[in-house]
Amino acid sequence: MLIAMIESNIKLVVIPEEKLDLLLNGVTQIQQQLEAMTGTQSQREGYYTSFEVRKILGISQKTWQTYRDQRRIPFCQFGRKIYVKITDLNEFIESHKINSRS
């Protein structure tokens, strides 16, 4: 890491690119966790993000990719963002419900 004083109140900090990527990934994960905990705008409008769906179902990113590839749950995609209607996710969960024998 290199720190240089440009002026009396400005610092220039140079860090390796991989360290910056790790930092940005960490910030993104924290943001997604906060959105999942506080209820995001998409949730209020009736949609979950991929992160929220994975947390609700308790599945990995790879399993979520497989579900999408197999079209097991309907979804919308805008660029790299993927959204699932809350009602579609609820239907998926209900269709996999195992009733008790009593």
PDB file of N, CA and C in Angstrom:
ATOM      1  N   MET A   1       0.853  -1.167   0.000  1.00  0.00           N
ATOM      2  CA  MET A   1       0.000   0.000   0.000  1.00  0.00           C
ATOM      3  C   MET A   1       0.901   1.233   0.000  1.00  0.00           C
ATOM      4  N   LEU A   2       0.533   2.200  -0.800  1.00  0.00           N
ATOM      5  CA  LEU A   2       1.312   3.433  -0.922  1.00  0.00           C
ATOM      6  C   LEU A   2       0.425   4.609  -0.540  1.00  0.00           C
ATOM      7  N   ILE A   3       0.908   5.423   0.360  1.00  0.00           N
ATOM      8  CA  ILE A   3       0.174   6.621   0.761  1.00  0.00           C
ATOM      9  C   ILE A   3       1.058   7.823   0.459  1.00  0.00           C
ATOM     10  N   ALA A   4       0.519   8.781  -0.251  1.00  0.00           N
ATOM     11  CA  ALA A   4       1.273   9.989  -0.593  1.00  0.00           C
ATOM     12  C   ALA A   4       0.433  11.210  -0.258  1.00  0.00           C
ATOM     13  N   MET A   5       1.074  12.211   0.254  1.00  0.00           N
ATOM     14  CA  MET A   5       0.387  13.469   0.554  1.00  0.00           C
ATOM     15  C   MET A   5       0.458  14.358  -0.681  1.00  0.00           C
ATOM     16  N   ILE A   6      -0.707  14.686  -1.254  1.00  0.00           N
ATOM     17  CA  ILE A   6      -0.761  15.561  -2.419  1.00  0.00           C
ATOM     18  C   ILE A   6      -0.757  17.015  -1.954  1.00  0.00           C
ATOM     19  N   GLU A   7      -1.644  17.319  -1.070  1.00  0.00           N
ATOM     20  CA  GLU A   7      -1.707  18.637  -0.440  1.00  0.00           C
ATOM     21  C   GLU A   7      -1.796  18.385   1.051  1.00  0.00           C
ATOM     22  N   SER A   8      -1.909  19.410   1.805  1.00  0.00           N
ATOM     23  CA  SER A   8      -1.917  19.243   3.255  1.00  0.00           C
ATOM     24  C   SER A   8      -3.123  18.450   3.760  1.00  0.00           C
ATOM     25  N   ASN A   9      -4.249  18.473   3.045  1.00  0.00           N
ATOM     26  CA  ASN A   9      -5.442  17.784   3.529  1.00  0.00           C
ATOM     27  C   ASN A   9      -5.931  16.681   2.591  1.00  0.00           C
ATOM     28  N   ILE A  10      -5.171  16.321   1.579  1.00  0.00           N
ATOM     29  CA  ILE A  10      -5.587  15.286   0.634  1.00  0.00           C
ATOM     30  C   ILE A  10      -4.552  14.170   0.629  1.00  0.00           C
ATOM     31  N   LYS A  11      -5.028  12.912   0.763  1.00  0.00           N
ATOM     32  CA  LYS A  11      -4.139  11.758   0.709  1.00  0.00           C
ATOM     33  C   LYS A  11      -4.467  10.925  -0.517  1.00  0.00           C
ATOM     34  N   LEU A  12      -3.475  10.421  -1.173  1.00  0.00           N
ATOM     35  CA  LEU A  12      -3.634   9.501  -2.289  1.00  0.00           C
ATOM     36  C   LEU A  12      -3.216   8.124  -1.790  1.00  0.00           C
ATOM     37  N   VAL A  13      -4.144   7.160  -1.830  1.00  0.00           N
ATOM     38  CA  VAL A  13      -3.870   5.818  -1.337  1.00  0.00           C
ATOM     39  C   VAL A  13      -3.941   4.853  -2.506  1.00  0.00           C
ATOM     40  N   VAL A  14      -2.904   4.067  -2.702  1.00  0.00           N
ATOM     41  CA  VAL A  14      -2.860   3.078  -3.770  1.00  0.00           C
ATOM     42  C   VAL A  14      -2.858   1.701  -3.122  1.00  0.00           C
ATOM     43  N   ILE A  15      -3.842   0.870  -3.502  1.00  0.00           N
ATOM     44  CA  ILE A  15      -3.903  -0.493  -2.973  1.00  0.00           C
ATOM     45  C   ILE A  15      -3.985  -1.465  -4.145  1.00  0.00           C
ATOM     46  N   PRO A  16      -3.565  -2.700  -3.940  1.00  0.00           N
ATOM     47  CA  PRO A  16      -3.646  -3.689  -5.020  1.00  0.00           C
ATOM     48  C   PRO A  16      -5.094  -3.923  -5.450  1.00  0.00           C
ATOM     49  N   GLU A  17      -5.279  -4.212  -6.733  1.00  0.00           N
ATOM     50  CA  GLU A  17      -6.620  -4.388  -7.293  1.00  0.00           C
ATOM     51  C   GLU A  17      -7.382  -5.515  -6.610  1.00  0.00           C
ATOM     52  N   GLU A  18      -6.706  -6.623  -6.289  1.00  0.00           N
ATOM     53  CA  GLU A  18      -7.407  -7.748  -5.658  1.00  0.00           C
ATOM     54  C   GLU A  18      -7.920  -7.376  -4.266  1.00  0.00           C
ATOM     55  N   LYS A  19      -7.191  -6.518  -3.556  1.00  0.00           N
ATOM     56  CA  LYS A  19      -7.664  -6.046  -2.243  1.00  0.00           C
ATOM     57  C   LYS A  19      -8.902  -5.163  -2.412  1.00  0.00           C
ATOM     58  N   LEU A  20      -8.903  -4.327  -3.442  1.00  0.00           N
ATOM     59  CA  LEU A  20     -10.057  -3.482  -3.726  1.00  0.00           C
ATOM     60  C   LEU A  20     -11.269  -4.340  -4.078  1.00  0.00           C
ATOM     61  N   ASP A  21     -11.068  -5.378  -4.893  1.00  0.00           N
ATOM     62  CA  ASP A  21     -12.165  -6.275  -5.260  1.00  0.00           C
ATOM     63  C   ASP A  21     -12.751  -6.957  -4.030  1.00  0.00           C
ATOM     64  N   LEU A  22     -11.889  -7.424  -3.121  1.00  0.00           N
ATOM     65  CA  LEU A  22     -12.366  -8.053  -1.884  1.00  0.00           C
ATOM     66  C   LEU A  22     -13.194  -7.074  -1.064  1.00  0.00           C
ATOM     67  N   LEU A  23     -12.721  -5.854  -0.963  1.00  0.00           N
ATOM     68  CA  LEU A  23     -13.436  -4.827  -0.213  1.00  0.00           C
ATOM     69  C   LEU A  23     -14.804  -4.543  -0.831  1.00  0.00           C
ATOM     70  N   LEU A  24     -14.846  -4.384  -2.152  1.00  0.00           N
ATOM     71  CA  LEU A  24     -16.115  -4.096  -2.834  1.00  0.00           C
ATOM     72  C   LEU A  24     -17.085  -5.266  -2.721  1.00  0.00           C
ATOM     73  N   ASN A  25     -16.587  -6.502  -2.819  1.00  0.00           N
ATOM     74  CA  ASN A  25     -17.457  -7.672  -2.653  1.00  0.00           C
ATOM     75  C   ASN A  25     -18.038  -7.723  -1.250  1.00  0.00           C
ATOM     76  N   GLY A  26     -17.224  -7.396  -0.253  1.00  0.00           N
ATOM     77  CA  GLY A  26     -17.709  -7.367   1.123  1.00  0.00           C
ATOM     78  C   GLY A  26     -18.799  -6.328   1.317  1.00  0.00           C
ATOM     79  N   VAL A  27     -18.614  -5.155   0.741  1.00  0.00           N
ATOM     80  CA  VAL A  27     -19.620  -4.092   0.840  1.00  0.00           C
ATOM     81  C   VAL A  27     -20.919  -4.524   0.160  1.00  0.00           C
ATOM     82  N   THR A  28     -20.809  -5.179  -1.000  1.00  0.00           N
ATOM     83  CA  THR A  28     -21.997  -5.655  -1.714  1.00  0.00           C
ATOM     84  C   THR A  28     -22.751  -6.683  -0.881  1.00  0.00           C
ATOM     85  N   GLN A  29     -22.038  -7.607  -0.252  1.00  0.00           N
ATOM     86  CA  GLN A  29     -22.686  -8.618   0.585  1.00  0.00           C
ATOM     87  C   GLN A  29     -23.387  -7.982   1.777  1.00  0.00           C
ATOM     88  N   ILE A  30     -22.756  -7.012   2.400  1.00  0.00           N
ATOM     89  CA  ILE A  30     -23.380  -6.318   3.528  1.00  0.00           C
ATOM     90  C   ILE A  30     -24.640  -5.596   3.069  1.00  0.00           C
ATOM     91  N   GLN A  31     -24.583  -4.955   1.918  1.00  0.00           N
ATOM     92  CA  GLN A  31     -25.746  -4.249   1.385  1.00  0.00           C
ATOM     93  C   GLN A  31     -26.896  -5.222   1.141  1.00  0.00           C
ATOM     94  N   GLN A  32     -26.600  -6.377   0.546  1.00  0.00           N
ATOM     95  CA  GLN A  32     -27.637  -7.364   0.268  1.00  0.00           C
ATOM     96  C   GLN A  32     -28.240  -7.908   1.559  1.00  0.00           C
ATOM     97  N   GLN A  33     -27.414  -8.134   2.570  1.00  0.00           N
ATOM     98  CA  GLN A  33     -27.926  -8.624   3.844  1.00  0.00           C
ATOM     99  C   GLN A  33     -28.814  -7.588   4.512  1.00  0.00           C
ATOM    100  N   LEU A  34     -28.415  -6.331   4.456  1.00  0.00           N
ATOM    101  CA  LEU A  34     -29.242  -5.269   5.026  1.00  0.00           C
ATOM    102  C   LEU A  34     -30.576  -5.157   4.302  1.00  0.00           C
ATOM    103  N   GLU A  35     -30.555  -5.260   2.971  1.00  0.00           N
ATOM    104  CA  GLU A  35     -31.795  -5.200   2.204  1.00  0.00           C
ATOM    105  C   GLU A  35     -32.707  -6.364   2.572  1.00  0.00           C
ATOM    106  N   ALA A  36     -32.147  -7.554   2.742  1.00  0.00           N
ATOM    107  CA  ALA A  36     -32.948  -8.724   3.097  1.00  0.00           C
ATOM    108  C   ALA A  36     -33.548  -8.579   4.493  1.00  0.00           C
ATOM    109  N   MET A  37     -32.805  -7.971   5.413  1.00  0.00           N
ATOM    110  CA  MET A  37     -33.287  -7.828   6.784  1.00  0.00           C
ATOM    111  C   MET A  37     -34.298  -6.701   6.936  1.00  0.00           C
ATOM    112  N   THR A  38     -34.157  -5.639   6.181  1.00  0.00           N
ATOM    113  CA  THR A  38     -35.012  -4.472   6.373  1.00  0.00           C
ATOM    114  C   THR A  38     -36.184  -4.411   5.414  1.00  0.00           C
ATOM    115  N   GLY A  39     -36.227  -5.297   4.427  1.00  0.00           N
ATOM    116  CA  GLY A  39     -37.297  -5.234   3.445  1.00  0.00           C
ATOM    117  C   GLY A  39     -36.962  -4.220   2.381  1.00  0.00           C
ATOM    118  N   THR A  40     -36.604  -4.688   1.223  1.00  0.00           N
ATOM    119  CA  THR A  40     -36.182  -3.799   0.149  1.00  0.00           C
ATOM    120  C   THR A  40     -37.384  -3.222  -0.579  1.00  0.00           C
ATOM    121  N   GLN A  41     -37.121  -2.279  -1.439  1.00  0.00           N
ATOM    122  CA  GLN A  41     -38.167  -1.697  -2.279  1.00  0.00           C
ATOM    123  C   GLN A  41     -38.811  -2.777  -3.128  1.00  0.00           C
ATOM    124  N   SER A  42     -38.011  -3.686  -3.687  1.00  0.00           N
ATOM    125  CA  SER A  42     -38.564  -4.735  -4.545  1.00  0.00           C
ATOM    126  C   SER A  42     -39.518  -5.626  -3.765  1.00  0.00           C
ATOM    127  N   GLN A  43     -39.215  -5.882  -2.489  1.00  0.00           N
ATOM    128  CA  GLN A  43     -40.095  -6.718  -1.680  1.00  0.00           C
ATOM    129  C   GLN A  43     -41.428  -6.016  -1.449  1.00  0.00           C
ATOM    130  N   ARG A  44     -41.401  -4.721  -1.200  1.00  0.00           N
ATOM    131  CA  ARG A  44     -42.646  -3.987  -0.984  1.00  0.00           C
ATOM    132  C   ARG A  44     -43.503  -3.984  -2.244  1.00  0.00           C
ATOM    133  N   GLU A  45     -42.871  -4.086  -3.402  1.00  0.00           N
ATOM    134  CA  GLU A  45     -43.609  -4.102  -4.653  1.00  0.00           C
ATOM    135  C   GLU A  45     -43.975  -5.515  -5.083  1.00  0.00           C
ATOM    136  N   GLY A  46     -43.645  -6.521  -4.273  1.00  0.00           N
ATOM    137  CA  GLY A  46     -44.048  -7.879  -4.572  1.00  0.00           C
ATOM    138  C   GLY A  46     -42.989  -8.743  -5.214  1.00  0.00           C
ATOM    139  N   TYR A  47     -41.726  -8.366  -5.127  1.00  0.00           N
ATOM    140  CA  TYR A  47     -40.643  -9.148  -5.719  1.00  0.00           C
ATOM    141  C   TYR A  47     -39.520  -9.370  -4.714  1.00  0.00           C
ATOM    142  N   TYR A  48     -38.862 -10.526  -4.851  1.00  0.00           N
ATOM    143  CA  TYR A  48     -37.648 -10.817  -4.095  1.00  0.00           C
ATOM    144  C   TYR A  48     -36.459 -10.771  -5.043  1.00  0.00           C
ATOM    145  N   THR A  49     -35.296 -10.432  -4.509  1.00  0.00           N
ATOM    146  CA  THR A  49     -34.057 -10.531  -5.279  1.00  0.00           C
ATOM    147  C   THR A  49     -33.540 -11.967  -5.174  1.00  0.00           C
ATOM    148  N   SER A  50     -32.555 -12.305  -5.993  1.00  0.00           N
ATOM    149  CA  SER A  50     -31.943 -13.638  -5.925  1.00  0.00           C
ATOM    150  C   SER A  50     -31.408 -13.925  -4.532  1.00  0.00           C
ATOM    151  N   PHE A  51     -30.762 -12.944  -3.939  1.00  0.00           N
ATOM    152  CA  PHE A  51     -30.200 -13.116  -2.599  1.00  0.00           C
ATOM    153  C   PHE A  51     -31.295 -13.474  -1.600  1.00  0.00           C
ATOM    154  N   GLU A  52     -32.419 -12.766  -1.660  1.00  0.00           N
ATOM    155  CA  GLU A  52     -33.521 -13.025  -0.734  1.00  0.00           C
ATOM    156  C   GLU A  52     -34.109 -14.413  -0.953  1.00  0.00           C
ATOM    157  N   VAL A  53     -34.258 -14.817  -2.215  1.00  0.00           N
ATOM    158  CA  VAL A  53     -34.805 -16.144  -2.528  1.00  0.00           C
ATOM    159  C   VAL A  53     -33.899 -17.227  -1.956  1.00  0.00           C
ATOM    160  N   ARG A  54     -32.593 -17.082  -2.165  1.00  0.00           N
ATOM    161  CA  ARG A  54     -31.647 -18.079  -1.657  1.00  0.00           C
ATOM    162  C   ARG A  54     -31.693 -18.161  -0.139  1.00  0.00           C
ATOM    163  N   LYS A  55     -31.825 -17.023   0.535  1.00  0.00           N
ATOM    164  CA  LYS A  55     -31.909 -17.018   1.995  1.00  0.00           C
ATOM    165  C   LYS A  55     -33.199 -17.686   2.469  1.00  0.00           C
ATOM    166  N   ILE A  56     -34.314 -17.390   1.814  1.00  0.00           N
ATOM    167  CA  ILE A  56     -35.605 -17.961   2.207  1.00  0.00           C
ATOM    168  C   ILE A  56     -35.610 -19.471   2.025  1.00  0.00           C
ATOM    169  N   LEU A  57     -35.098 -19.939   0.879  1.00  0.00           N
ATOM    170  CA  LEU A  57     -35.099 -21.373   0.591  1.00  0.00           C
ATOM    171  C   LEU A  57     -33.935 -22.108   1.255  1.00  0.00           C
ATOM    172  N   GLY A  58     -32.937 -21.383   1.695  1.00  0.00           N
ATOM    173  CA  GLY A  58     -31.771 -22.007   2.311  1.00  0.00           C
ATOM    174  C   GLY A  58     -30.946 -22.805   1.313  1.00  0.00           C
ATOM    175  N   ILE A  59     -30.773 -22.258   0.112  1.00  0.00           N
ATOM    176  CA  ILE A  59     -30.047 -22.964  -0.943  1.00  0.00           C
ATOM    177  C   ILE A  59     -28.807 -22.176  -1.350  1.00  0.00           C
ATOM    178  N   SER A  60     -27.888 -22.872  -1.984  1.00  0.00           N
ATOM    179  CA  SER A  60     -26.651 -22.239  -2.445  1.00  0.00           C
ATOM    180  C   SER A  60     -26.891 -21.490  -3.751  1.00  0.00           C
ATOM    181  N   GLN A  61     -25.904 -20.712  -4.133  1.00  0.00           N
ATOM    182  CA  GLN A  61     -25.981 -19.974  -5.393  1.00  0.00           C
ATOM    183  C   GLN A  61     -26.042 -20.945  -6.572  1.00  0.00           C
ATOM    184  N   LYS A  62     -25.300 -22.046  -6.499  1.00  0.00           N
ATOM    185  CA  LYS A  62     -25.292 -23.045  -7.572  1.00  0.00           C
ATOM    186  C   LYS A  62     -26.664 -23.716  -7.696  1.00  0.00           C
ATOM    187  N   THR A  63     -27.274 -24.073  -6.574  1.00  0.00           N
ATOM    188  CA  THR A  63     -28.609 -24.680  -6.608  1.00  0.00           C
ATOM    189  C   THR A  63     -29.620 -23.701  -7.184  1.00  0.00           C
ATOM    190  N   TRP A  64     -29.513 -22.431  -6.801  1.00  0.00           N
ATOM    191  CA  TRP A  64     -30.414 -21.406  -7.331  1.00  0.00           C
ATOM    192  C   TRP A  64     -30.240 -21.288  -8.843  1.00  0.00           C
ATOM    193  N   GLN A  65     -28.998 -21.365  -9.329  1.00  0.00           N
ATOM    194  CA  GLN A  65     -28.741 -21.329 -10.767  1.00  0.00           C
ATOM    195  C   GLN A  65     -29.388 -22.531 -11.448  1.00  0.00           C
ATOM    196  N   THR A  66     -29.295 -23.705 -10.830  1.00  0.00           N
ATOM    197  CA  THR A  66     -29.909 -24.918 -11.387  1.00  0.00           C
ATOM    198  C   THR A  66     -31.429 -24.765 -11.458  1.00  0.00           C
ATOM    199  N   TYR A  67     -32.041 -24.245 -10.402  1.00  0.00           N
ATOM    200  CA  TYR A  67     -33.493 -24.021 -10.404  1.00  0.00           C
ATOM    201  C   TYR A  67     -33.893 -23.104 -11.560  1.00  0.00           C
ATOM    202  N   ARG A  68     -33.106 -22.056 -11.791  1.00  0.00           N
ATOM    203  CA  ARG A  68     -33.423 -21.132 -12.887  1.00  0.00           C
ATOM    204  C   ARG A  68     -33.210 -21.800 -14.237  1.00  0.00           C
ATOM    205  N   ASP A  69     -32.123 -22.549 -14.383  1.00  0.00           N
ATOM    206  CA  ASP A  69     -31.850 -23.249 -15.643  1.00  0.00           C
ATOM    207  C   ASP A  69     -32.970 -24.227 -15.982  1.00  0.00           C
ATOM    208  N   GLN A  70     -33.509 -24.890 -14.957  1.00  0.00           N
ATOM    209  CA  GLN A  70     -34.577 -25.873 -15.150  1.00  0.00           C
ATOM    210  C   GLN A  70     -35.963 -25.228 -15.156  1.00  0.00           C
ATOM    211  N   ARG A  71     -36.002 -23.912 -14.985  1.00  0.00           N
ATOM    212  CA  ARG A  71     -37.267 -23.149 -14.968  1.00  0.00           C
ATOM    213  C   ARG A  71     -38.225 -23.669 -13.885  1.00  0.00           C
ATOM    214  N   ARG A  72     -37.683 -24.017 -12.730  1.00  0.00           N
ATOM    215  CA  ARG A  72     -38.504 -24.523 -11.631  1.00  0.00           C
ATOM    216  C   ARG A  72     -39.282 -23.399 -10.953  1.00  0.00           C
ATOM    217  N   ILE A  73     -38.719 -22.194 -10.970  1.00  0.00           N
ATOM    218  CA  ILE A  73     -39.377 -21.022 -10.396  1.00  0.00           C
ATOM    219  C   ILE A  73     -39.344 -19.917 -11.448  1.00  0.00           C
ATOM    220  N   PRO A  74     -40.496 -19.323 -11.781  1.00  0.00           N
ATOM    221  CA  PRO A  74     -40.495 -18.214 -12.749  1.00  0.00           C
ATOM    222  C   PRO A  74     -39.696 -17.026 -12.201  1.00  0.00           C
ATOM    223  N   PHE A  75     -38.996 -16.328 -13.078  1.00  0.00           N
ATOM    224  CA  PHE A  75     -38.214 -15.168 -12.660  1.00  0.00           C
ATOM    225  C   PHE A  75     -38.137 -14.153 -13.788  1.00  0.00           C
ATOM    226  N   CYS A  76     -37.781 -12.929 -13.420  1.00  0.00           N
ATOM    227  CA  CYS A  76     -37.548 -11.848 -14.380  1.00  0.00           C
ATOM    228  C   CYS A  76     -36.084 -11.455 -14.272  1.00  0.00           C
ATOM    229  N   GLN A  77     -35.501 -11.065 -15.393  1.00  0.00           N
ATOM    230  CA  GLN A  77     -34.108 -10.634 -15.363  1.00  0.00           C
ATOM    231  C   GLN A  77     -33.968  -9.320 -16.112  1.00  0.00           C
ATOM    232  N   PHE A  78     -33.349  -8.349 -15.439  1.00  0.00           N
ATOM    233  CA  PHE A  78     -33.039  -7.055 -16.026  1.00  0.00           C
ATOM    234  C   PHE A  78     -31.535  -6.863 -15.899  1.00  0.00           C
ATOM    235  N   GLY A  79     -30.834  -7.011 -17.006  1.00  0.00           N
ATOM    236  CA  GLY A  79     -29.374  -6.962 -16.945  1.00  0.00           C
ATOM    237  C   GLY A  79     -28.876  -8.144 -16.134  1.00  0.00           C
ATOM    238  N   ARG A  80     -28.170  -7.858 -15.050  1.00  0.00           N
ATOM    239  CA  ARG A  80     -27.656  -8.925 -14.196  1.00  0.00           C
ATOM    240  C   ARG A  80     -28.539  -9.161 -12.978  1.00  0.00           C
ATOM    241  N   LYS A  81     -29.557  -8.333 -12.769  1.00  0.00           N
ATOM    242  CA  LYS A  81     -30.439  -8.467 -11.613  1.00  0.00           C
ATOM    243  C   LYS A  81     -31.571  -9.432 -11.919  1.00  0.00           C
ATOM    244  N   ILE A  82     -31.847 -10.328 -10.977  1.00  0.00           N
ATOM    245  CA  ILE A  82     -32.902 -11.324 -11.132  1.00  0.00           C
ATOM    246  C   ILE A  82     -33.922 -11.107 -10.022  1.00  0.00           C
ATOM    247  N   TYR A  83     -35.204 -11.136 -10.398  1.00  0.00           N
ATOM    248  CA  TYR A  83     -36.292 -10.934  -9.452  1.00  0.00           C
ATOM    249  C   TYR A  83     -37.289 -12.081  -9.566  1.00  0.00           C
ATOM    250  N   VAL A  84     -37.901 -12.424  -8.422  1.00  0.00           N
ATOM    251  CA  VAL A  84     -38.917 -13.474  -8.373  1.00  0.00           C
ATOM    252  C   VAL A  84     -40.134 -12.889  -7.669  1.00  0.00           C
ATOM    253  N   LYS A  85     -41.314 -13.073  -8.272  1.00  0.00           N
ATOM    254  CA  LYS A  85     -42.540 -12.612  -7.624  1.00  0.00           C
ATOM    255  C   LYS A  85     -42.732 -13.374  -6.320  1.00  0.00           C
ATOM    256  N   ILE A  86     -43.152 -12.656  -5.303  1.00  0.00           N
ATOM    257  CA  ILE A  86     -43.395 -13.287  -4.006  1.00  0.00           C
ATOM    258  C   ILE A  86     -44.434 -14.393  -4.151  1.00  0.00           C
ATOM    259  N   THR A  87     -45.477 -14.152  -4.942  1.00  0.00           N
ATOM    260  CA  THR A  87     -46.520 -15.171  -5.121  1.00  0.00           C
ATOM    261  C   THR A  87     -45.971 -16.414  -5.817  1.00  0.00           C
ATOM    262  N   ASP A  88     -45.066 -16.243  -6.795  1.00  0.00           N
ATOM    263  CA  ASP A  88     -44.465 -17.401  -7.469  1.00  0.00           C
ATOM    264  C   ASP A  88     -43.620 -18.221  -6.504  1.00  0.00           C
ATOM    265  N   LEU A  89     -42.877 -17.551  -5.639  1.00  0.00           N
ATOM    266  CA  LEU A  89     -42.063 -18.278  -4.662  1.00  0.00           C
ATOM    267  C   LEU A  89     -42.957 -19.010  -3.665  1.00  0.00           C
ATOM    268  N   ASN A  90     -44.033 -18.355  -3.225  1.00  0.00           N
ATOM    269  CA  ASN A  90     -44.965 -19.012  -2.302  1.00  0.00           C
ATOM    270  C   ASN A  90     -45.601 -20.242  -2.943  1.00  0.00           C
ATOM    271  N   GLU A  91     -45.955 -20.160  -4.229  1.00  0.00           N
ATOM    272  CA  GLU A  91     -46.516 -21.315  -4.939  1.00  0.00           C
ATOM    273  C   GLU A  91     -45.503 -22.447  -5.025  1.00  0.00           C
ATOM    274  N   PHE A  92     -44.244 -22.114  -5.296  1.00  0.00           N
ATOM    275  CA  PHE A  92     -43.187 -23.124  -5.355  1.00  0.00           C
ATOM    276  C   PHE A  92     -43.049 -23.826  -4.004  1.00  0.00           C
ATOM    277  N   ILE A  93     -43.047 -23.050  -2.936  1.00  0.00           N
ATOM    278  CA  ILE A  93     -42.918 -23.633  -1.595  1.00  0.00           C
ATOM    279  C   ILE A  93     -44.118 -24.519  -1.288  1.00  0.00           C
ATOM    280  N   GLU A  94     -45.325 -24.054  -1.597  1.00  0.00           N
ATOM    281  CA  GLU A  94     -46.534 -24.848  -1.346  1.00  0.00           C
ATOM    282  C   GLU A  94     -46.545 -26.139  -2.159  1.00  0.00           C
ATOM    283  N   SER A  95     -46.050 -26.087  -3.392  1.00  0.00           N
ATOM    284  CA  SER A  95     -46.057 -27.285  -4.240  1.00  0.00           C
ATOM    285  C   SER A  95     -45.065 -28.340  -3.753  1.00  0.00           C
ATOM    286  N   HIS A  96     -44.131 -27.953  -2.904  1.00  0.00           N
ATOM    287  CA  HIS A  96     -43.162 -28.898  -2.355  1.00  0.00           C
ATOM    288  C   HIS A  96     -43.434 -29.215  -0.886  1.00  0.00           C
ATOM    289  N   LYS A  97     -44.605 -28.858  -0.441  1.00  0.00           N
ATOM    290  CA  LYS A  97     -44.996 -29.085   0.943  1.00  0.00           C
ATOM    291  C   LYS A  97     -45.307 -30.561   1.150  1.00  0.00           C
ATOM    292  N   ILE A  98     -44.835 -31.107   2.239  1.00  0.00           N
ATOM    293  CA  ILE A  98     -45.109 -32.504   2.588  1.00  0.00           C
ATOM    294  C   ILE A  98     -46.067 -32.489   3.769  1.00  0.00           C
ATOM    295  N   ASN A  99     -47.258 -33.041   3.559  1.00  0.00           N
ATOM    296  CA  ASN A  99     -48.280 -33.047   4.601  1.00  0.00           C
ATOM    297  C   ASN A  99     -48.004 -34.140   5.624  1.00  0.00           C
ATOM    298  N   SER A 100     -48.479 -33.914   6.838  1.00  0.00           N
ATOM    299  CA  SER A 100     -48.311 -34.919   7.891  1.00  0.00           C
ATOM    300  C   SER A 100     -49.268 -36.078   7.656  1.00  0.00           C
ATOM    301  N   ARG A 101     -49.001 -37.201   8.276  1.00  0.00           N
ATOM    302  CA  ARG A 101     -49.815 -38.409   8.085  1.00  0.00           C
ATOM    303  C   ARG A 101     -50.999 -38.481   9.031  1.00  0.00           C
ATOM    304  N   SER A 102     -51.130 -37.601   9.951  1.00  0.00           N
ATOM    305  CA  SER A 102     -52.204 -37.699  10.936  1.00  0.00           C
ATOM    306  C   SER A 102     -53.500 -37.266  10.397  1.00  0.00           C
TER     307      SER A 102
END
